[in-house]
């Protein structure tokens, strides 16, 4: 079995991303889909408005949709497909509240990763499997779980923060990302590196959906192997911890 992190696999990933850059980024547009909380509306906090203005100044084509419920969110995703059919390459930017398990709209409708991934699979399919998804939410990178929770592939690659983040930091970092990736046509990986330099923190990460699925399945295989080994060791009847440890290492090294 070829290892997921082999040089050949890594090179294939770089070539795949290069194809994405060359073929699509010249036609890229950023549909910003924002769903602030009621408190955000009251306080006048709208990341999408600020980000759209910053991208206009940076020469990055962008469009803003503010949605308050699932029906409007679904309409915004349909617009993304229509934009692609009209000849552009949409990079979806989701700006809303979230946590390790999903996102929340203004209406307080909550979508876990499985539900969100199911909807995005249709969008990604319409985009030829090349959707770049930006999660401008707290714990946005946790959305990588959509890759193995969905029947299809909800995106080509995902970018997001590993933990909670302020609106100010998301605006600054994503402005840098889109300027690097779209305006300057740099790579996705180097764009994320630029984001982290802006914040002086390794907060943002990116991963392809196919690599996320491979990693998840590899982890499950290892977990199942350790579980079987632990069960066999516990049934071995060894009289002391040292013997059980030797049994464990022997079983671990066996095929």
C-alpha atoms as a PDB file:
ATOM      1  CA  UNK A   1       0.000   0.000   0.000  1.00  0.00           C
ATOM      2  CA  UNK A   2       1.333   3.432  -0.949  1.00  0.00           C
ATOM      3  CA  UNK A   3       1.696   5.785   1.979  1.00  0.00           C
ATOM      4  CA  UNK A   4      -0.535   8.875   1.854  1.00  0.00           C
ATOM      5  CA  UNK A   5       2.419  11.138   2.588  1.00  0.00           C
ATOM      6  CA  UNK A   6       4.778   9.604   0.021  1.00  0.00           C
ATOM      7  CA  UNK A   7       6.786  12.004  -2.208  1.00  0.00           C
ATOM      8  CA  UNK A   8       4.850  10.826  -5.252  1.00  0.00           C
ATOM      9  CA  UNK A   9       1.517  11.532  -3.549  1.00  0.00           C
ATOM     10  CA  UNK A  10       2.689  14.948  -2.378  1.00  0.00           C
ATOM     11  CA  UNK A  11       3.885  15.795  -5.870  1.00  0.00           C
ATOM     12  CA  UNK A  12       0.546  14.723  -7.326  1.00  0.00           C
ATOM     13  CA  UNK A  13      -1.168  17.049  -4.872  1.00  0.00           C
ATOM     14  CA  UNK A  14       1.050  19.958  -5.932  1.00  0.00           C
ATOM     15  CA  UNK A  15       0.364  19.250  -9.611  1.00  0.00           C
ATOM     16  CA  UNK A  16      -3.366  19.053  -8.922  1.00  0.00           C
ATOM     17  CA  UNK A  17      -3.264  22.406  -7.177  1.00  0.00           C
ATOM     18  CA  UNK A  18      -1.153  23.867  -9.986  1.00  0.00           C
ATOM     19  CA  UNK A  19      -3.826  22.796 -12.439  1.00  0.00           C
ATOM     20  CA  UNK A  20      -6.417  24.537 -10.267  1.00  0.00           C
ATOM     21  CA  UNK A  21      -4.368  27.723 -10.203  1.00  0.00           C
ATOM     22  CA  UNK A  22      -3.628  27.846 -13.918  1.00  0.00           C
ATOM     23  CA  UNK A  23      -7.082  26.869 -15.122  1.00  0.00           C
ATOM     24  CA  UNK A  24      -9.360  28.749 -12.732  1.00  0.00           C
ATOM     25  CA  UNK A  25      -7.734  31.578 -10.808  1.00  0.00           C
ATOM     26  CA  UNK A  26      -7.729  33.963 -13.761  1.00  0.00           C
ATOM     27  CA  UNK A  27     -11.549  33.682 -13.689  1.00  0.00           C
ATOM     28  CA  UNK A  28     -11.872  33.607  -9.899  1.00  0.00           C
ATOM     29  CA  UNK A  29     -14.573  35.471  -8.010  1.00  0.00           C
ATOM     30  CA  UNK A  30     -15.302  35.352  -4.275  1.00  0.00           C
ATOM     31  CA  UNK A  31     -18.985  34.987  -3.372  1.00  0.00           C
ATOM     32  CA  UNK A  32     -19.087  36.032   0.292  1.00  0.00           C
ATOM     33  CA  UNK A  33     -22.064  34.416   2.041  1.00  0.00           C
ATOM     34  CA  UNK A  34     -22.555  36.020   5.423  1.00  0.00           C
ATOM     35  CA  UNK A  35     -25.035  35.172   8.186  1.00  0.00           C
ATOM     36  CA  UNK A  36     -24.420  37.399  11.237  1.00  0.00           C
ATOM     37  CA  UNK A  37     -26.043  36.820  14.585  1.00  0.00           C
ATOM     38  CA  UNK A  38     -28.815  39.145  15.786  1.00  0.00           C
ATOM     39  CA  UNK A  39     -26.276  40.736  18.135  1.00  0.00           C
ATOM     40  CA  UNK A  40     -23.888  41.309  15.218  1.00  0.00           C
ATOM     41  CA  UNK A  41     -26.634  43.130  13.337  1.00  0.00           C
ATOM     42  CA  UNK A  42     -27.413  45.279  16.391  1.00  0.00           C
ATOM     43  CA  UNK A  43     -23.739  46.162  16.934  1.00  0.00           C
ATOM     44  CA  UNK A  44     -23.103  46.763  13.232  1.00  0.00           C
ATOM     45  CA  UNK A  45     -20.571  43.922  12.957  1.00  0.00           C
ATOM     46  CA  UNK A  46     -20.563  42.480   9.444  1.00  0.00           C
ATOM     47  CA  UNK A  47     -17.328  40.874   8.347  1.00  0.00           C
ATOM     48  CA  UNK A  48     -18.684  40.350   4.854  1.00  0.00           C
ATOM     49  CA  UNK A  49     -19.236  44.061   4.234  1.00  0.00           C
ATOM     50  CA  UNK A  50     -15.722  44.932   5.403  1.00  0.00           C
ATOM     51  CA  UNK A  51     -14.113  42.054   3.498  1.00  0.00           C
ATOM     52  CA  UNK A  52     -15.969  42.913   0.278  1.00  0.00           C
ATOM     53  CA  UNK A  53     -14.695  46.500   0.481  1.00  0.00           C
ATOM     54  CA  UNK A  54     -11.132  45.307   1.137  1.00  0.00           C
ATOM     55  CA  UNK A  55     -11.239  42.881  -1.797  1.00  0.00           C
ATOM     56  CA  UNK A  56     -12.556  45.636  -4.091  1.00  0.00           C
ATOM     57  CA  UNK A  57      -9.504  47.725  -3.191  1.00  0.00           C
ATOM     58  CA  UNK A  58      -7.203  44.718  -3.697  1.00  0.00           C
ATOM     59  CA  UNK A  59      -8.560  44.062  -7.183  1.00  0.00           C
ATOM     60  CA  UNK A  60     -10.217  40.765  -6.242  1.00  0.00           C
ATOM     61  CA  UNK A  61     -13.691  40.270  -7.788  1.00  0.00           C
ATOM     62  CA  UNK A  62     -16.199  39.601  -5.016  1.00  0.00           C
ATOM     63  CA  UNK A  63     -19.925  39.598  -4.328  1.00  0.00           C
ATOM     64  CA  UNK A  64     -21.762  39.716  -0.998  1.00  0.00           C
ATOM     65  CA  UNK A  65     -24.943  37.936   0.024  1.00  0.00           C
ATOM     66  CA  UNK A  66     -26.278  38.393   3.553  1.00  0.00           C
ATOM     67  CA  UNK A  67     -28.554  35.473   4.432  1.00  0.00           C
ATOM     68  CA  UNK A  68     -30.620  34.998   7.568  1.00  0.00           C
ATOM     69  CA  UNK A  69     -32.132  31.519   7.137  1.00  0.00           C
ATOM     70  CA  UNK A  70     -31.694  28.223   5.342  1.00  0.00           C
ATOM     71  CA  UNK A  71     -33.883  29.196   2.383  1.00  0.00           C
ATOM     72  CA  UNK A  72     -31.714  32.230   1.624  1.00  0.00           C
ATOM     73  CA  UNK A  73     -28.535  30.231   2.231  1.00  0.00           C
ATOM     74  CA  UNK A  74     -29.687  27.653  -0.322  1.00  0.00           C
ATOM     75  CA  UNK A  75     -30.462  30.437  -2.823  1.00  0.00           C
ATOM     76  CA  UNK A  76     -26.968  31.854  -2.338  1.00  0.00           C
ATOM     77  CA  UNK A  77     -25.439  28.452  -3.130  1.00  0.00           C
ATOM     78  CA  UNK A  78     -27.570  28.176  -6.274  1.00  0.00           C
ATOM     79  CA  UNK A  79     -26.202  31.583  -7.330  1.00  0.00           C
ATOM     80  CA  UNK A  80     -22.682  30.176  -6.978  1.00  0.00           C
ATOM     81  CA  UNK A  81     -23.535  27.425  -9.467  1.00  0.00           C
ATOM     82  CA  UNK A  82     -25.085  29.980 -11.828  1.00  0.00           C
ATOM     83  CA  UNK A  83     -21.949  32.140 -11.651  1.00  0.00           C
ATOM     84  CA  UNK A  84     -19.843  29.145 -12.597  1.00  0.00           C
ATOM     85  CA  UNK A  85     -22.136  28.343 -15.510  1.00  0.00           C
ATOM     86  CA  UNK A  86     -21.713  31.958 -16.642  1.00  0.00           C
ATOM     87  CA  UNK A  87     -17.954  31.457 -16.862  1.00  0.00           C
ATOM     88  CA  UNK A  88     -16.459  32.459 -13.512  1.00  0.00           C
ATOM     89  CA  UNK A  89     -14.670  30.309 -10.923  1.00  0.00           C
ATOM     90  CA  UNK A  90     -16.366  30.939  -7.547  1.00  0.00           C
ATOM     91  CA  UNK A  91     -14.409  30.584  -4.297  1.00  0.00           C
ATOM     92  CA  UNK A  92     -17.072  30.286  -1.590  1.00  0.00           C
ATOM     93  CA  UNK A  93     -16.413  32.336   1.537  1.00  0.00           C
ATOM     94  CA  UNK A  94     -18.712  31.447   4.443  1.00  0.00           C
ATOM     95  CA  UNK A  95     -18.832  34.129   7.140  1.00  0.00           C
ATOM     96  CA  UNK A  96     -20.940  33.102  10.138  1.00  0.00           C
ATOM     97  CA  UNK A  97     -20.686  31.750  13.650  1.00  0.00           C
ATOM     98  CA  UNK A  98     -19.470  28.201  14.166  1.00  0.00           C
ATOM     99  CA  UNK A  99     -17.853  25.706  16.499  1.00  0.00           C
ATOM    100  CA  UNK A 100     -16.203  22.277  16.291  1.00  0.00           C
ATOM    101  CA  UNK A 101     -19.438  20.622  15.125  1.00  0.00           C
ATOM    102  CA  UNK A 102     -21.013  22.991  12.606  1.00  0.00           C
ATOM    103  CA  UNK A 103     -22.328  26.456  11.751  1.00  0.00           C
ATOM    104  CA  UNK A 104     -25.247  28.641  12.852  1.00  0.00           C
ATOM    105  CA  UNK A 105     -27.299  31.107  10.761  1.00  0.00           C
ATOM    106  CA  UNK A 106     -28.953  34.337  11.888  1.00  0.00           C
ATOM    107  CA  UNK A 107     -32.208  32.402  12.351  1.00  0.00           C
ATOM    108  CA  UNK A 108     -30.418  30.124  14.853  1.00  0.00           C
ATOM    109  CA  UNK A 109     -30.747  27.247  12.384  1.00  0.00           C
ATOM    110  CA  UNK A 110     -27.778  24.965  13.052  1.00  0.00           C
ATOM    111  CA  UNK A 111     -26.101  22.749  10.479  1.00  0.00           C
ATOM    112  CA  UNK A 112     -23.630  20.077  11.490  1.00  0.00           C
ATOM    113  CA  UNK A 113     -20.820  19.123   9.129  1.00  0.00           C
ATOM    114  CA  UNK A 114     -22.741  16.208   7.659  1.00  0.00           C
ATOM    115  CA  UNK A 115     -25.712  18.403   6.722  1.00  0.00           C
ATOM    116  CA  UNK A 116     -23.560  21.221   5.346  1.00  0.00           C
ATOM    117  CA  UNK A 117     -21.370  18.789   3.433  1.00  0.00           C
ATOM    118  CA  UNK A 118     -24.417  17.197   1.821  1.00  0.00           C
ATOM    119  CA  UNK A 119     -25.457  20.543   0.355  1.00  0.00           C
ATOM    120  CA  UNK A 120     -21.956  21.490  -0.764  1.00  0.00           C
ATOM    121  CA  UNK A 121     -21.485  18.187  -2.617  1.00  0.00           C
ATOM    122  CA  UNK A 122     -23.954  19.398  -5.246  1.00  0.00           C
ATOM    123  CA  UNK A 123     -22.099  22.695  -5.606  1.00  0.00           C
ATOM    124  CA  UNK A 124     -18.720  20.995  -5.860  1.00  0.00           C
ATOM    125  CA  UNK A 125     -20.040  18.586  -8.476  1.00  0.00           C
ATOM    126  CA  UNK A 126     -21.369  21.507 -10.527  1.00  0.00           C
ATOM    127  CA  UNK A 127     -17.902  23.105 -10.309  1.00  0.00           C
ATOM    128  CA  UNK A 128     -16.251  19.950 -11.642  1.00  0.00           C
ATOM    129  CA  UNK A 129     -14.986  18.899  -8.221  1.00  0.00           C
ATOM    130  CA  UNK A 130     -12.799  21.992  -7.870  1.00  0.00           C
ATOM    131  CA  UNK A 131     -14.570  24.048  -5.179  1.00  0.00           C
ATOM    132  CA  UNK A 132     -12.227  26.004  -2.932  1.00  0.00           C
ATOM    133  CA  UNK A 133     -14.093  26.614   0.338  1.00  0.00           C
ATOM    134  CA  UNK A 134     -13.089  29.304   2.846  1.00  0.00           C
ATOM    135  CA  UNK A 135     -14.553  28.861   6.322  1.00  0.00           C
ATOM    136  CA  UNK A 136     -14.500  32.246   8.044  1.00  0.00           C
ATOM    137  CA  UNK A 137     -15.958  30.884  11.281  1.00  0.00           C
ATOM    138  CA  UNK A 138     -14.587  29.955  14.659  1.00  0.00           C
ATOM    139  CA  UNK A 139     -13.052  26.468  14.354  1.00  0.00           C
ATOM    140  CA  UNK A 140     -13.639  26.628  10.598  1.00  0.00           C
ATOM    141  CA  UNK A 141     -10.974  24.032   9.828  1.00  0.00           C
ATOM    142  CA  UNK A 142     -13.060  21.487  11.762  1.00  0.00           C
ATOM    143  CA  UNK A 143     -15.276  21.502   8.661  1.00  0.00           C
ATOM    144  CA  UNK A 144     -12.674  19.174   7.137  1.00  0.00           C
ATOM    145  CA  UNK A 145     -14.832  16.451   8.715  1.00  0.00           C
ATOM    146  CA  UNK A 146     -17.266  17.006   5.862  1.00  0.00           C
ATOM    147  CA  UNK A 147     -14.809  15.171   3.631  1.00  0.00           C
ATOM    148  CA  UNK A 148     -15.448  11.784   5.259  1.00  0.00           C
ATOM    149  CA  UNK A 149     -18.984  12.424   6.556  1.00  0.00           C
ATOM    150  CA  UNK A 150     -20.378  13.100   3.073  1.00  0.00           C
ATOM    151  CA  UNK A 151     -21.227  10.537   0.412  1.00  0.00           C
ATOM    152  CA  UNK A 152     -19.511  12.624  -2.239  1.00  0.00           C
ATOM    153  CA  UNK A 153     -16.825  15.314  -2.046  1.00  0.00           C
ATOM    154  CA  UNK A 154     -18.105  18.642  -0.662  1.00  0.00           C
ATOM    155  CA  UNK A 155     -15.043  20.586  -1.843  1.00  0.00           C
ATOM    156  CA  UNK A 156     -11.674  20.272  -3.531  1.00  0.00           C
ATOM    157  CA  UNK A 157      -9.829  22.070  -0.741  1.00  0.00           C
ATOM    158  CA  UNK A 158     -10.773  23.841   2.479  1.00  0.00           C
ATOM    159  CA  UNK A 159      -9.184  26.777   4.305  1.00  0.00           C
ATOM    160  CA  UNK A 160     -10.098  27.779   7.846  1.00  0.00           C
ATOM    161  CA  UNK A 161      -8.926  28.578  11.381  1.00  0.00           C
ATOM    162  CA  UNK A 162      -8.148  25.802  13.859  1.00  0.00           C
ATOM    163  CA  UNK A 163      -9.749  27.626  16.814  1.00  0.00           C
ATOM    164  CA  UNK A 164     -11.842  30.649  17.776  1.00  0.00           C
ATOM    165  CA  UNK A 165     -10.986  33.848  15.902  1.00  0.00           C
ATOM    166  CA  UNK A 166     -12.105  37.488  15.919  1.00  0.00           C
ATOM    167  CA  UNK A 167     -13.830  39.189  12.982  1.00  0.00           C
ATOM    168  CA  UNK A 168     -10.912  41.624  12.717  1.00  0.00           C
ATOM    169  CA  UNK A 169      -8.422  38.784  12.323  1.00  0.00           C
ATOM    170  CA  UNK A 170     -10.571  37.020   9.721  1.00  0.00           C
ATOM    171  CA  UNK A 171     -10.843  40.180   7.605  1.00  0.00           C
ATOM    172  CA  UNK A 172      -7.095  40.841   7.742  1.00  0.00           C
ATOM    173  CA  UNK A 173      -6.074  37.242   7.056  1.00  0.00           C
ATOM    174  CA  UNK A 174      -8.590  36.430   4.314  1.00  0.00           C
ATOM    175  CA  UNK A 175      -7.864  39.725   2.524  1.00  0.00           C
ATOM    176  CA  UNK A 176      -4.229  38.628   2.429  1.00  0.00           C
ATOM    177  CA  UNK A 177      -5.205  35.134   1.268  1.00  0.00           C
ATOM    178  CA  UNK A 178      -7.344  36.281  -1.657  1.00  0.00           C
ATOM    179  CA  UNK A 179      -4.831  38.938  -2.708  1.00  0.00           C
ATOM    180  CA  UNK A 180      -2.149  36.248  -2.765  1.00  0.00           C
ATOM    181  CA  UNK A 181      -4.165  33.474  -4.420  1.00  0.00           C
ATOM    182  CA  UNK A 182      -6.419  35.426  -6.793  1.00  0.00           C
ATOM    183  CA  UNK A 183      -4.748  38.763  -7.559  1.00  0.00           C
ATOM    184  CA  UNK A 184      -1.190  37.365  -7.586  1.00  0.00           C
ATOM    185  CA  UNK A 185      -2.177  33.786  -8.553  1.00  0.00           C
ATOM    186  CA  UNK A 186      -0.048  32.197  -5.855  1.00  0.00           C
ATOM    187  CA  UNK A 187      -0.647  28.693  -4.516  1.00  0.00           C
ATOM    188  CA  UNK A 188      -3.261  27.875  -1.911  1.00  0.00           C
ATOM    189  CA  UNK A 189      -0.616  26.620   0.516  1.00  0.00           C
ATOM    190  CA  UNK A 190       1.500  29.756   0.203  1.00  0.00           C
ATOM    191  CA  UNK A 191      -1.675  31.827   0.566  1.00  0.00           C
ATOM    192  CA  UNK A 192      -2.383  30.171   3.915  1.00  0.00           C
ATOM    193  CA  UNK A 193       1.219  30.780   4.942  1.00  0.00           C
ATOM    194  CA  UNK A 194       0.662  34.461   4.154  1.00  0.00           C
ATOM    195  CA  UNK A 195      -2.446  34.463   6.362  1.00  0.00           C
ATOM    196  CA  UNK A 196      -0.480  33.061   9.278  1.00  0.00           C
ATOM    197  CA  UNK A 197       2.270  35.630   8.791  1.00  0.00           C
ATOM    198  CA  UNK A 198      -0.320  38.406   9.029  1.00  0.00           C
ATOM    199  CA  UNK A 199      -1.470  37.068  12.411  1.00  0.00           C
ATOM    200  CA  UNK A 200       1.982  35.898  13.548  1.00  0.00           C
ATOM    201  CA  UNK A 201       0.311  32.609  14.456  1.00  0.00           C
ATOM    202  CA  UNK A 202      -0.162  29.143  12.931  1.00  0.00           C
ATOM    203  CA  UNK A 203      -3.917  29.583  13.194  1.00  0.00           C
ATOM    204  CA  UNK A 204      -5.000  28.766   9.650  1.00  0.00           C
ATOM    205  CA  UNK A 205      -4.719  25.457   7.835  1.00  0.00           C
ATOM    206  CA  UNK A 206      -5.754  24.004   4.501  1.00  0.00           C
ATOM    207  CA  UNK A 207      -6.301  20.488   3.201  1.00  0.00           C
ATOM    208  CA  UNK A 208      -7.680  18.749   0.137  1.00  0.00           C
ATOM    209  CA  UNK A 209     -10.789  16.611   0.580  1.00  0.00           C
ATOM    210  CA  UNK A 210      -9.172  13.503  -0.922  1.00  0.00           C
ATOM    211  CA  UNK A 211      -6.215  13.776   1.465  1.00  0.00           C
ATOM    212  CA  UNK A 212      -8.583  14.301   4.421  1.00  0.00           C
ATOM    213  CA  UNK A 213     -10.458  11.112   3.506  1.00  0.00           C
ATOM    214  CA  UNK A 214      -7.210   9.147   3.201  1.00  0.00           C
ATOM    215  CA  UNK A 215      -6.012  10.400   6.572  1.00  0.00           C
ATOM    216  CA  UNK A 216      -9.334   9.535   8.223  1.00  0.00           C
ATOM    217  CA  UNK A 217      -9.398   5.995   6.838  1.00  0.00           C
ATOM    218  CA  UNK A 218      -5.738   5.459   7.772  1.00  0.00           C
ATOM    219  CA  UNK A 219      -6.491   6.586  11.332  1.00  0.00           C
ATOM    220  CA  UNK A 220      -9.442   4.203  11.559  1.00  0.00           C
ATOM    221  CA  UNK A 221      -7.293   1.300  10.377  1.00  0.00           C
ATOM    222  CA  UNK A 222      -4.685   2.052  13.059  1.00  0.00           C
ATOM    223  CA  UNK A 223      -7.366   2.449  15.742  1.00  0.00           C
ATOM    224  CA  UNK A 224      -8.928  -0.896  14.851  1.00  0.00           C
ATOM    225  CA  UNK A 225      -5.517  -2.581  14.853  1.00  0.00           C
ATOM    226  CA  UNK A 226      -4.687  -1.231  18.304  1.00  0.00           C
ATOM    227  CA  UNK A 227      -8.103  -2.291  19.551  1.00  0.00           C
ATOM    228  CA  UNK A 228      -7.567  -5.869  18.362  1.00  0.00           C
ATOM    229  CA  UNK A 229      -4.074  -5.924  19.841  1.00  0.00           C
ATOM    230  CA  UNK A 230      -5.312  -4.618  23.187  1.00  0.00           C
ATOM    231  CA  UNK A 231      -8.050  -7.257  23.265  1.00  0.00           C
ATOM    232  CA  UNK A 232      -5.559 -10.044  22.528  1.00  0.00           C
ATOM    233  CA  UNK A 233      -3.143  -8.775  25.175  1.00  0.00           C
ATOM    234  CA  UNK A 234      -5.905  -8.579  27.782  1.00  0.00           C
ATOM    235  CA  UNK A 235      -6.830 -12.199  27.063  1.00  0.00           C
ATOM    236  CA  UNK A 236      -3.249 -13.465  27.084  1.00  0.00           C
ATOM    237  CA  UNK A 237      -3.307 -14.277  30.790  1.00  0.00           C
ATOM    238  CA  UNK A 238       0.181 -12.835  31.363  1.00  0.00           C
ATOM    239  CA  UNK A 239       0.861 -12.549  35.095  1.00  0.00           C
ATOM    240  CA  UNK A 240       2.505  -9.136  35.084  1.00  0.00           C
ATOM    241  CA  UNK A 241       2.661  -5.796  33.274  1.00  0.00           C
ATOM    242  CA  UNK A 242       6.140  -6.442  31.832  1.00  0.00           C
ATOM    243  CA  UNK A 243       5.011  -9.597  30.094  1.00  0.00           C
ATOM    244  CA  UNK A 244       1.912  -7.913  28.775  1.00  0.00           C
ATOM    245  CA  UNK A 245       4.067  -5.104  27.409  1.00  0.00           C
ATOM    246  CA  UNK A 246       6.288  -7.623  25.584  1.00  0.00           C
ATOM    247  CA  UNK A 247       3.201  -9.376  24.242  1.00  0.00           C
ATOM    248  CA  UNK A 248       1.832  -6.060  23.054  1.00  0.00           C
ATOM    249  CA  UNK A 249       5.020  -5.103  21.180  1.00  0.00           C
ATOM    250  CA  UNK A 250       5.271  -8.561  19.641  1.00  0.00           C
ATOM    251  CA  UNK A 251       1.707  -8.392  18.358  1.00  0.00           C
ATOM    252  CA  UNK A 252       2.208  -4.833  17.104  1.00  0.00           C
ATOM    253  CA  UNK A 253       5.195  -5.869  14.990  1.00  0.00           C
ATOM    254  CA  UNK A 254       3.449  -8.960  13.591  1.00  0.00           C
ATOM    255  CA  UNK A 255       1.653  -8.925  10.260  1.00  0.00           C
END
